[in-house]
Amino acid sequence: MDISIPAFSKIETGITDVNLSRLNQIAKLFNLSLVELLSTSDANEEKEKFAEINELQQRLQAREAEVIELQKKIIDLYEQLHKKS
């Protein structure tokens, strides 16, 4: 990549930001497009995240149903207590 070790070290440690031409060099080095290089996930990761989100939504809905049932029980208990008074 025609870069000195100290310059590479500064990039690696975050002291120096990587510019667009350097990113293009890195992408070419790994046979990737710039978009592929900067992409944070692949299709499999996206599917896994989507599945995890769906599972969490289902669990949340189940918990919400439990909360509603508990609220109903509290209301029933309150009404019973109020009737005895």
PDB file of N, CA and C in Angstrom:
ATOM      1  N   MET A   1       0.831  -1.200   0.000  1.00  0.00           N
ATOM      2  CA  MET A   1       0.000   0.000   0.000  1.00  0.00           C
ATOM      3  C   MET A   1       0.865   1.250   0.000  1.00  0.00           C
ATOM      4  N   ASP A   2       2.155   1.063   0.006  1.00  0.00           N
ATOM      5  CA  ASP A   2       3.062   2.207  -0.040  1.00  0.00           C
ATOM      6  C   ASP A   2       2.817   3.164   1.126  1.00  0.00           C
ATOM      7  N   ILE A   3       2.863   2.599   2.340  1.00  0.00           N
ATOM      8  CA  ILE A   3       2.635   3.385   3.553  1.00  0.00           C
ATOM      9  C   ILE A   3       3.693   2.995   4.577  1.00  0.00           C
ATOM     10  N   SER A   4       4.199   3.987   5.283  1.00  0.00           N
ATOM     11  CA  SER A   4       5.236   3.706   6.279  1.00  0.00           C
ATOM     12  C   SER A   4       4.631   3.035   7.505  1.00  0.00           C
ATOM     13  N   ILE A   5       5.465   2.358   8.246  1.00  0.00           N
ATOM     14  CA  ILE A   5       5.004   1.689   9.466  1.00  0.00           C
ATOM     15  C   ILE A   5       4.452   2.698  10.478  1.00  0.00           C
ATOM     16  N   PRO A   6       5.145   3.827  10.715  1.00  0.00           N
ATOM     17  CA  PRO A   6       4.569   4.803  11.645  1.00  0.00           C
ATOM     18  C   PRO A   6       3.214   5.344  11.186  1.00  0.00           C
ATOM     19  N   ALA A   7       3.057   5.575   9.871  1.00  0.00           N
ATOM     20  CA  ALA A   7       1.775   6.068   9.356  1.00  0.00           C
ATOM     21  C   ALA A   7       0.695   5.011   9.539  1.00  0.00           C
ATOM     22  N   PHE A   8       1.051   3.756   9.266  1.00  0.00           N
ATOM     23  CA  PHE A   8       0.102   2.654   9.463  1.00  0.00           C
ATOM     24  C   PHE A   8      -0.296   2.548  10.920  1.00  0.00           C
ATOM     25  N   SER A   9       0.677   2.697  11.792  1.00  0.00           N
ATOM     26  CA  SER A   9       0.412   2.624  13.231  1.00  0.00           C
ATOM     27  C   SER A   9      -0.549   3.719  13.666  1.00  0.00           C
ATOM     28  N   LYS A  10      -0.385   4.927  13.114  1.00  0.00           N
ATOM     29  CA  LYS A  10      -1.287   6.028  13.467  1.00  0.00           C
ATOM     30  C   LYS A  10      -2.713   5.748  12.995  1.00  0.00           C
ATOM     31  N   ILE A  11      -2.840   5.144  11.828  1.00  0.00           N
ATOM     32  CA  ILE A  11      -4.176   4.782  11.329  1.00  0.00           C
ATOM     33  C   ILE A  11      -4.780   3.713  12.225  1.00  0.00           C
ATOM     34  N   GLU A  12      -3.971   2.715  12.549  1.00  0.00           N
ATOM     35  CA  GLU A  12      -4.434   1.587  13.354  1.00  0.00           C
ATOM     36  C   GLU A  12      -4.887   2.020  14.742  1.00  0.00           C
ATOM     37  N   THR A  13      -4.204   2.975  15.319  1.00  0.00           N
ATOM     38  CA  THR A  13      -4.541   3.424  16.673  1.00  0.00           C
ATOM     39  C   THR A  13      -5.568   4.546  16.694  1.00  0.00           C
ATOM     40  N   GLY A  14      -5.984   5.004  15.496  1.00  0.00           N
ATOM     41  CA  GLY A  14      -7.012   6.031  15.429  1.00  0.00           C
ATOM     42  C   GLY A  14      -6.500   7.444  15.538  1.00  0.00           C
ATOM     43  N   ILE A  15      -5.188   7.609  15.534  1.00  0.00           N
ATOM     44  CA  ILE A  15      -4.624   8.963  15.594  1.00  0.00           C
ATOM     45  C   ILE A  15      -4.874   9.693  14.274  1.00  0.00           C
ATOM     46  N   THR A  16      -4.746   8.950  13.168  1.00  0.00           N
ATOM     47  CA  THR A  16      -4.971   9.505  11.825  1.00  0.00           C
ATOM     48  C   THR A  16      -6.175   8.823  11.201  1.00  0.00           C
ATOM     49  N   ASP A  17      -7.043   9.620  10.596  1.00  0.00           N
ATOM     50  CA  ASP A  17      -8.190   9.067   9.882  1.00  0.00           C
ATOM     51  C   ASP A  17      -7.756   8.541   8.528  1.00  0.00           C
ATOM     52  N   VAL A  18      -8.466   7.541   8.045  1.00  0.00           N
ATOM     53  CA  VAL A  18      -8.191   6.972   6.734  1.00  0.00           C
ATOM     54  C   VAL A  18      -8.972   7.775   5.699  1.00  0.00           C
ATOM     55  N   ASN A  19      -8.272   8.213   4.622  1.00  0.00           N
ATOM     56  CA  ASN A  19      -8.966   8.968   3.581  1.00  0.00           C
ATOM     57  C   ASN A  19      -9.529   8.026   2.526  1.00  0.00           C
ATOM     58  N   LEU A  20     -10.296   8.572   1.602  1.00  0.00           N
ATOM     59  CA  LEU A  20     -10.984   7.774   0.595  1.00  0.00           C
ATOM     60  C   LEU A  20     -10.015   7.014  -0.303  1.00  0.00           C
ATOM     61  N   SER A  21      -8.930   7.646  -0.714  1.00  0.00           N
ATOM     62  CA  SER A  21      -7.986   6.941  -1.589  1.00  0.00           C
ATOM     63  C   SER A  21      -7.334   5.769  -0.861  1.00  0.00           C
ATOM     64  N   ARG A  22      -7.076   5.931   0.419  1.00  0.00           N
ATOM     65  CA  ARG A  22      -6.495   4.837   1.199  1.00  0.00           C
ATOM     66  C   ARG A  22      -7.509   3.704   1.343  1.00  0.00           C
ATOM     67  N   LEU A  23      -8.781   4.050   1.552  1.00  0.00           N
ATOM     68  CA  LEU A  23      -9.826   3.028   1.636  1.00  0.00           C
ATOM     69  C   LEU A  23      -9.930   2.253   0.323  1.00  0.00           C
ATOM     70  N   ASN A  24      -9.817   2.965  -0.797  1.00  0.00           N
ATOM     71  CA  ASN A  24      -9.832   2.288  -2.096  1.00  0.00           C
ATOM     72  C   ASN A  24      -8.656   1.327  -2.226  1.00  0.00           C
ATOM     73  N   GLN A  25      -7.483   1.727  -1.754  1.00  0.00           N
ATOM     74  CA  GLN A  25      -6.315   0.849  -1.784  1.00  0.00           C
ATOM     75  C   GLN A  25      -6.554  -0.413  -0.960  1.00  0.00           C
ATOM     76  N   ILE A  26      -7.120  -0.232   0.209  1.00  0.00           N
ATOM     77  CA  ILE A  26      -7.392  -1.383   1.090  1.00  0.00           C
ATOM     78  C   ILE A  26      -8.410  -2.306   0.440  1.00  0.00           C
ATOM     79  N   ALA A  27      -9.457  -1.733  -0.154  1.00  0.00           N
ATOM     80  CA  ALA A  27     -10.477  -2.542  -0.830  1.00  0.00           C
ATOM     81  C   ALA A  27      -9.859  -3.355  -1.955  1.00  0.00           C
ATOM     82  N   LYS A  28      -9.028  -2.723  -2.771  1.00  0.00           N
ATOM     83  CA  LYS A  28      -8.369  -3.434  -3.874  1.00  0.00           C
ATOM     84  C   LYS A  28      -7.461  -4.535  -3.349  1.00  0.00           C
ATOM     85  N   LEU A  29      -6.776  -4.273  -2.253  1.00  0.00           N
ATOM     86  CA  LEU A  29      -5.880  -5.260  -1.661  1.00  0.00           C
ATOM     87  C   LEU A  29      -6.631  -6.549  -1.306  1.00  0.00           C
ATOM     88  N   PHE A  30      -7.862  -6.404  -0.851  1.00  0.00           N
ATOM     89  CA  PHE A  30      -8.670  -7.559  -0.458  1.00  0.00           C
ATOM     90  C   PHE A  30      -9.676  -7.986  -1.532  1.00  0.00           C
ATOM     91  N   ASN A  31      -9.546  -7.430  -2.733  1.00  0.00           N
ATOM     92  CA  ASN A  31     -10.445  -7.760  -3.845  1.00  0.00           C
ATOM     93  C   ASN A  31     -11.905  -7.468  -3.511  1.00  0.00           C
ATOM     94  N   LEU A  32     -12.140  -6.333  -2.898  1.00  0.00           N
ATOM     95  CA  LEU A  32     -13.485  -5.918  -2.519  1.00  0.00           C
ATOM     96  C   LEU A  32     -13.806  -4.575  -3.146  1.00  0.00           C
ATOM     97  N   SER A  33     -15.088  -4.305  -3.278  1.00  0.00           N
ATOM     98  CA  SER A  33     -15.482  -2.940  -3.638  1.00  0.00           C
ATOM     99  C   SER A  33     -15.426  -2.107  -2.363  1.00  0.00           C
ATOM    100  N   LEU A  34     -15.437  -0.810  -2.543  1.00  0.00           N
ATOM    101  CA  LEU A  34     -15.419   0.074  -1.373  1.00  0.00           C
ATOM    102  C   LEU A  34     -16.659  -0.144  -0.512  1.00  0.00           C
ATOM    103  N   VAL A  35     -17.792  -0.373  -1.160  1.00  0.00           N
ATOM    104  CA  VAL A  35     -19.042  -0.630  -0.427  1.00  0.00           C
ATOM    105  C   VAL A  35     -18.914  -1.907   0.394  1.00  0.00           C
ATOM    106  N   GLU A  36     -18.351  -2.964  -0.203  1.00  0.00           N
ATOM    107  CA  GLU A  36     -18.181  -4.223   0.522  1.00  0.00           C
ATOM    108  C   GLU A  36     -17.245  -4.042   1.707  1.00  0.00           C
ATOM    109  N   LEU A  37     -16.197  -3.261   1.513  1.00  0.00           N
ATOM    110  CA  LEU A  37     -15.236  -3.017   2.594  1.00  0.00           C
ATOM    111  C   LEU A  37     -15.901  -2.310   3.761  1.00  0.00           C
ATOM    112  N   LEU A  38     -16.746  -1.337   3.442  1.00  0.00           N
ATOM    113  CA  LEU A  38     -17.369  -0.542   4.499  1.00  0.00           C
ATOM    114  C   LEU A  38     -18.633  -1.167   5.061  1.00  0.00           C
ATOM    115  N   SER A  39     -19.114  -2.221   4.418  1.00  0.00           N
ATOM    116  CA  SER A  39     -20.309  -2.893   4.897  1.00  0.00           C
ATOM    117  C   SER A  39     -20.013  -3.547   6.242  1.00  0.00           C
ATOM    118  N   THR A  40     -20.956  -3.396   7.175  1.00  0.00           N
ATOM    119  CA  THR A  40     -20.738  -3.924   8.520  1.00  0.00           C
ATOM    120  C   THR A  40     -21.285  -5.323   8.716  1.00  0.00           C
ATOM    121  N   SER A  41     -22.072  -5.805   7.761  1.00  0.00           N
ATOM    122  CA  SER A  41     -22.633  -7.135   7.942  1.00  0.00           C
ATOM    123  C   SER A  41     -22.917  -7.760   6.585  1.00  0.00           C
ATOM    124  N   ASP A  42     -23.129  -9.050   6.584  1.00  0.00           N
ATOM    125  CA  ASP A  42     -23.495  -9.742   5.353  1.00  0.00           C
ATOM    126  C   ASP A  42     -24.934 -10.229   5.447  1.00  0.00           C
ATOM    127  N   ALA A  43     -25.398 -10.878   4.404  1.00  0.00           N
ATOM    128  CA  ALA A  43     -26.801 -11.309   4.345  1.00  0.00           C
ATOM    129  C   ALA A  43     -27.151 -12.275   5.470  1.00  0.00           C
ATOM    130  N   ASN A  44     -26.234 -13.187   5.801  1.00  0.00           N
ATOM    131  CA  ASN A  44     -26.505 -14.150   6.874  1.00  0.00           C
ATOM    132  C   ASN A  44     -26.676 -13.445   8.216  1.00  0.00           C
ATOM    133  N   GLU A  45     -25.822 -12.467   8.459  1.00  0.00           N
ATOM    134  CA  GLU A  45     -25.940 -11.717   9.715  1.00  0.00           C
ATOM    135  C   GLU A  45     -27.273 -10.980   9.770  1.00  0.00           C
ATOM    136  N   GLU A  46     -27.691 -10.420   8.634  1.00  0.00           N
ATOM    137  CA  GLU A  46     -28.964  -9.711   8.585  1.00  0.00           C
ATOM    138  C   GLU A  46     -30.116 -10.660   8.892  1.00  0.00           C
ATOM    139  N   LYS A  47     -30.080 -11.862   8.320  1.00  0.00           N
ATOM    140  CA  LYS A  47     -31.134 -12.843   8.577  1.00  0.00           C
ATOM    141  C   LYS A  47     -31.152 -13.243  10.043  1.00  0.00           C
ATOM    142  N   GLU A  48     -29.962 -13.434  10.630  1.00  0.00           N
ATOM    143  CA  GLU A  48     -29.884 -13.806  12.039  1.00  0.00           C
ATOM    144  C   GLU A  48     -30.439 -12.694  12.924  1.00  0.00           C
ATOM    145  N   LYS A  49     -30.097 -11.454  12.591  1.00  0.00           N
ATOM    146  CA  LYS A  49     -30.600 -10.324  13.374  1.00  0.00           C
ATOM    147  C   LYS A  49     -32.114 -10.217  13.255  1.00  0.00           C
ATOM    148  N   PHE A  50     -32.632 -10.421  12.043  1.00  0.00           N
ATOM    149  CA  PHE A  50     -34.076 -10.361  11.820  1.00  0.00           C
ATOM    150  C   PHE A  50     -34.782 -11.450  12.627  1.00  0.00           C
ATOM    151  N   ALA A  51     -34.209 -12.665  12.616  1.00  0.00           N
ATOM    152  CA  ALA A  51     -34.797 -13.768  13.382  1.00  0.00           C
ATOM    153  C   ALA A  51     -34.760 -13.462  14.875  1.00  0.00           C
ATOM    154  N   GLU A  52     -33.658 -12.894  15.335  1.00  0.00           N
ATOM    155  CA  GLU A  52     -33.538 -12.555  16.754  1.00  0.00           C
ATOM    156  C   GLU A  52     -34.555 -11.480  17.138  1.00  0.00           C
ATOM    157  N   ILE A  53     -34.733 -10.497  16.272  1.00  0.00           N
ATOM    158  CA  ILE A  53     -35.716  -9.443  16.539  1.00  0.00           C
ATOM    159  C   ILE A  53     -37.115 -10.028  16.614  1.00  0.00           C
ATOM    160  N   ASN A  54     -37.437 -10.933  15.683  1.00  0.00           N
ATOM    161  CA  ASN A  54     -38.755 -11.568  15.713  1.00  0.00           C
ATOM    162  C   ASN A  54     -38.969 -12.352  17.002  1.00  0.00           C
ATOM    163  N   GLU A  55     -37.943 -13.092  17.412  1.00  0.00           N
ATOM    164  CA  GLU A  55     -38.047 -13.869  18.652  1.00  0.00           C
ATOM    165  C   GLU A  55     -38.254 -12.947  19.847  1.00  0.00           C
ATOM    166  N   LEU A  56     -37.511 -11.863  19.897  1.00  0.00           N
ATOM    167  CA  LEU A  56     -37.645 -10.915  21.001  1.00  0.00           C
ATOM    168  C   LEU A  56     -39.017 -10.253  21.004  1.00  0.00           C
ATOM    169  N   GLN A  57     -39.555  -9.968  19.813  1.00  0.00           N
ATOM    170  CA  GLN A  57     -40.892  -9.387  19.745  1.00  0.00           C
ATOM    171  C   GLN A  57     -41.937 -10.371  20.273  1.00  0.00           C
ATOM    172  N   GLN A  58     -41.786 -11.644  19.933  1.00  0.00           N
ATOM    173  CA  GLN A  58     -42.723 -12.651  20.433  1.00  0.00           C
ATOM    174  C   GLN A  58     -42.632 -12.779  21.948  1.00  0.00           C
ATOM    175  N   ARG A  59     -41.409 -12.763  22.462  1.00  0.00           N
ATOM    176  CA  ARG A  59     -41.236 -12.853  23.915  1.00  0.00           C
ATOM    177  C   ARG A  59     -41.833 -11.630  24.598  1.00  0.00           C
ATOM    178  N   LEU A  60     -41.665 -10.470  23.976  1.00  0.00           N
ATOM    179  CA  LEU A  60     -42.221  -9.248  24.536  1.00  0.00           C
ATOM    180  C   LEU A  60     -43.743  -9.301  24.554  1.00  0.00           C
ATOM    181  N   GLN A  61     -44.334  -9.807  23.490  1.00  0.00           N
ATOM    182  CA  GLN A  61     -45.792  -9.937  23.441  1.00  0.00           C
ATOM    183  C   GLN A  61     -46.286 -10.890  24.525  1.00  0.00           C
ATOM    184  N   ALA A  62     -45.551 -11.977  24.750  1.00  0.00           N
ATOM    185  CA  ALA A  62     -45.924 -12.921  25.805  1.00  0.00           C
ATOM    186  C   ALA A  62     -45.854 -12.246  27.171  1.00  0.00           C
ATOM    187  N   ARG A  63     -44.809 -11.465  27.395  1.00  0.00           N
ATOM    188  CA  ARG A  63     -44.671 -10.755  28.676  1.00  0.00           C
ATOM    189  C   ARG A  63     -45.779  -9.719  28.848  1.00  0.00           C
ATOM    190  N   GLU A  64     -46.135  -9.041  27.760  1.00  0.00           N
ATOM    191  CA  GLU A  64     -47.211  -8.062  27.838  1.00  0.00           C
ATOM    192  C   GLU A  64     -48.528  -8.740  28.205  1.00  0.00           C
ATOM    193  N   ALA A  65     -48.762  -9.925  27.660  1.00  0.00           N
ATOM    194  CA  ALA A  65     -49.979 -10.679  28.000  1.00  0.00           C
ATOM    195  C   ALA A  65     -49.958 -11.065  29.477  1.00  0.00           C
ATOM    196  N   GLU A  66     -48.791 -11.455  29.990  1.00  0.00           N
ATOM    197  CA  GLU A  66     -48.660 -11.792  31.415  1.00  0.00           C
ATOM    198  C   GLU A  66     -48.958 -10.573  32.279  1.00  0.00           C
ATOM    199  N   VAL A  67     -48.448  -9.429  31.870  1.00  0.00           N
ATOM    200  CA  VAL A  67     -48.677  -8.198  32.631  1.00  0.00           C
ATOM    201  C   VAL A  67     -50.166  -7.871  32.665  1.00  0.00           C
ATOM    202  N   ILE A  68     -50.842  -8.023  31.536  1.00  0.00           N
ATOM    203  CA  ILE A  68     -52.285  -7.753  31.478  1.00  0.00           C
ATOM    204  C   ILE A  68     -53.038  -8.691  32.408  1.00  0.00           C
ATOM    205  N   GLU A  69     -52.667  -9.967  32.413  1.00  0.00           N
ATOM    206  CA  GLU A  69     -53.323 -10.931  33.307  1.00  0.00           C
ATOM    207  C   GLU A  69     -53.077 -10.561  34.769  1.00  0.00           C
ATOM    208  N   LEU A  70     -51.875 -10.167  35.100  1.00  0.00           N
ATOM    209  CA  LEU A  70     -51.576  -9.765  36.477  1.00  0.00           C
ATOM    210  C   LEU A  70     -52.353  -8.507  36.862  1.00  0.00           C
ATOM    211  N   GLN A  71     -52.488  -7.575  35.929  1.00  0.00           N
ATOM    212  CA  GLN A  71     -53.275  -6.367  36.208  1.00  0.00           C
ATOM    213  C   GLN A  71     -54.727  -6.723  36.479  1.00  0.00           C
ATOM    214  N   LYS A  72     -55.256  -7.670  35.700  1.00  0.00           N
ATOM    215  CA  LYS A  72     -56.639  -8.113  35.925  1.00  0.00           C
ATOM    216  C   LYS A  72     -56.787  -8.719  37.317  1.00  0.00           C
ATOM    217  N   LYS A  73     -55.813  -9.526  37.721  1.00  0.00           N
ATOM    218  CA  LYS A  73     -55.866 -10.144  39.053  1.00  0.00           C
ATOM    219  C   LYS A  73     -55.819  -9.088  40.133  1.00  0.00           C
ATOM    220  N   ILE A  74     -55.005  -8.078  39.955  1.00  0.00           N
ATOM    221  CA  ILE A  74     -54.905  -7.000  40.943  1.00  0.00           C
ATOM    222  C   ILE A  74     -56.236  -6.260  41.043  1.00  0.00           C
ATOM    223  N   ILE A  75     -56.849  -5.999  39.909  1.00  0.00           N
ATOM    224  CA  ILE A  75     -58.149  -5.317  39.907  1.00  0.00           C
ATOM    225  C   ILE A  75     -59.193  -6.170  40.611  1.00  0.00           C
ATOM    226  N   ASP A  76     -59.199  -7.481  40.320  1.00  0.00           N
ATOM    227  CA  ASP A  76     -60.148  -8.390  40.979  1.00  0.00           C
ATOM    228  C   ASP A  76     -59.924  -8.401  42.489  1.00  0.00           C
ATOM    229  N   LEU A  77     -58.680  -8.491  42.912  1.00  0.00           N
ATOM    230  CA  LEU A  77     -58.371  -8.488  44.339  1.00  0.00           C
ATOM    231  C   LEU A  77     -58.791  -7.180  44.996  1.00  0.00           C
ATOM    232  N   TYR A  78     -58.544  -6.061  44.300  1.00  0.00           N
ATOM    233  CA  TYR A  78     -58.936  -4.766  44.829  1.00  0.00           C
ATOM    234  C   TYR A  78     -60.457  -4.673  44.992  1.00  0.00           C
ATOM    235  N   GLU A  79     -61.173  -5.179  43.975  1.00  0.00           N
ATOM    236  CA  GLU A  79     -62.638  -5.148  44.045  1.00  0.00           C
ATOM    237  C   GLU A  79     -63.154  -6.036  45.173  1.00  0.00           C
ATOM    238  N   GLN A  80     -62.536  -7.214  45.379  1.00  0.00           N
ATOM    239  CA  GLN A  80     -62.932  -8.077  46.483  1.00  0.00           C
ATOM    240  C   GLN A  80     -62.660  -7.414  47.823  1.00  0.00           C
ATOM    241  N   LEU A  81     -61.527  -6.769  47.929  1.00  0.00           N
ATOM    242  CA  LEU A  81     -61.190  -6.086  49.154  1.00  0.00           C
ATOM    243  C   LEU A  81     -62.150  -4.936  49.410  1.00  0.00           C
ATOM    244  N   HIS A  82     -62.517  -4.226  48.382  1.00  0.00           N
ATOM    245  CA  HIS A  82     -63.427  -3.094  48.499  1.00  0.00           C
ATOM    246  C   HIS A  82     -64.821  -3.560  48.907  1.00  0.00           C
ATOM    247  N   LYS A  83     -65.261  -4.725  48.428  1.00  0.00           N
ATOM    248  CA  LYS A  83     -66.578  -5.248  48.759  1.00  0.00           C
ATOM    249  C   LYS A  83     -66.640  -5.656  50.223  1.00  0.00           C
ATOM    250  N   LYS A  84     -65.533  -6.158  50.775  1.00  0.00           N
ATOM    251  CA  LYS A  84     -65.503  -6.601  52.179  1.00  0.00           C
ATOM    252  C   LYS A  84     -65.513  -5.417  53.134  1.00  0.00           C
ATOM    253  N   SER A  85     -65.081  -4.257  52.671  1.00  0.00           N
ATOM    254  CA  SER A  85     -64.998  -3.103  53.545  1.00  0.00           C
ATOM    255  C   SER A  85     -66.303  -2.454  53.823  1.00  0.00           C
TER     256      SER A  85
END
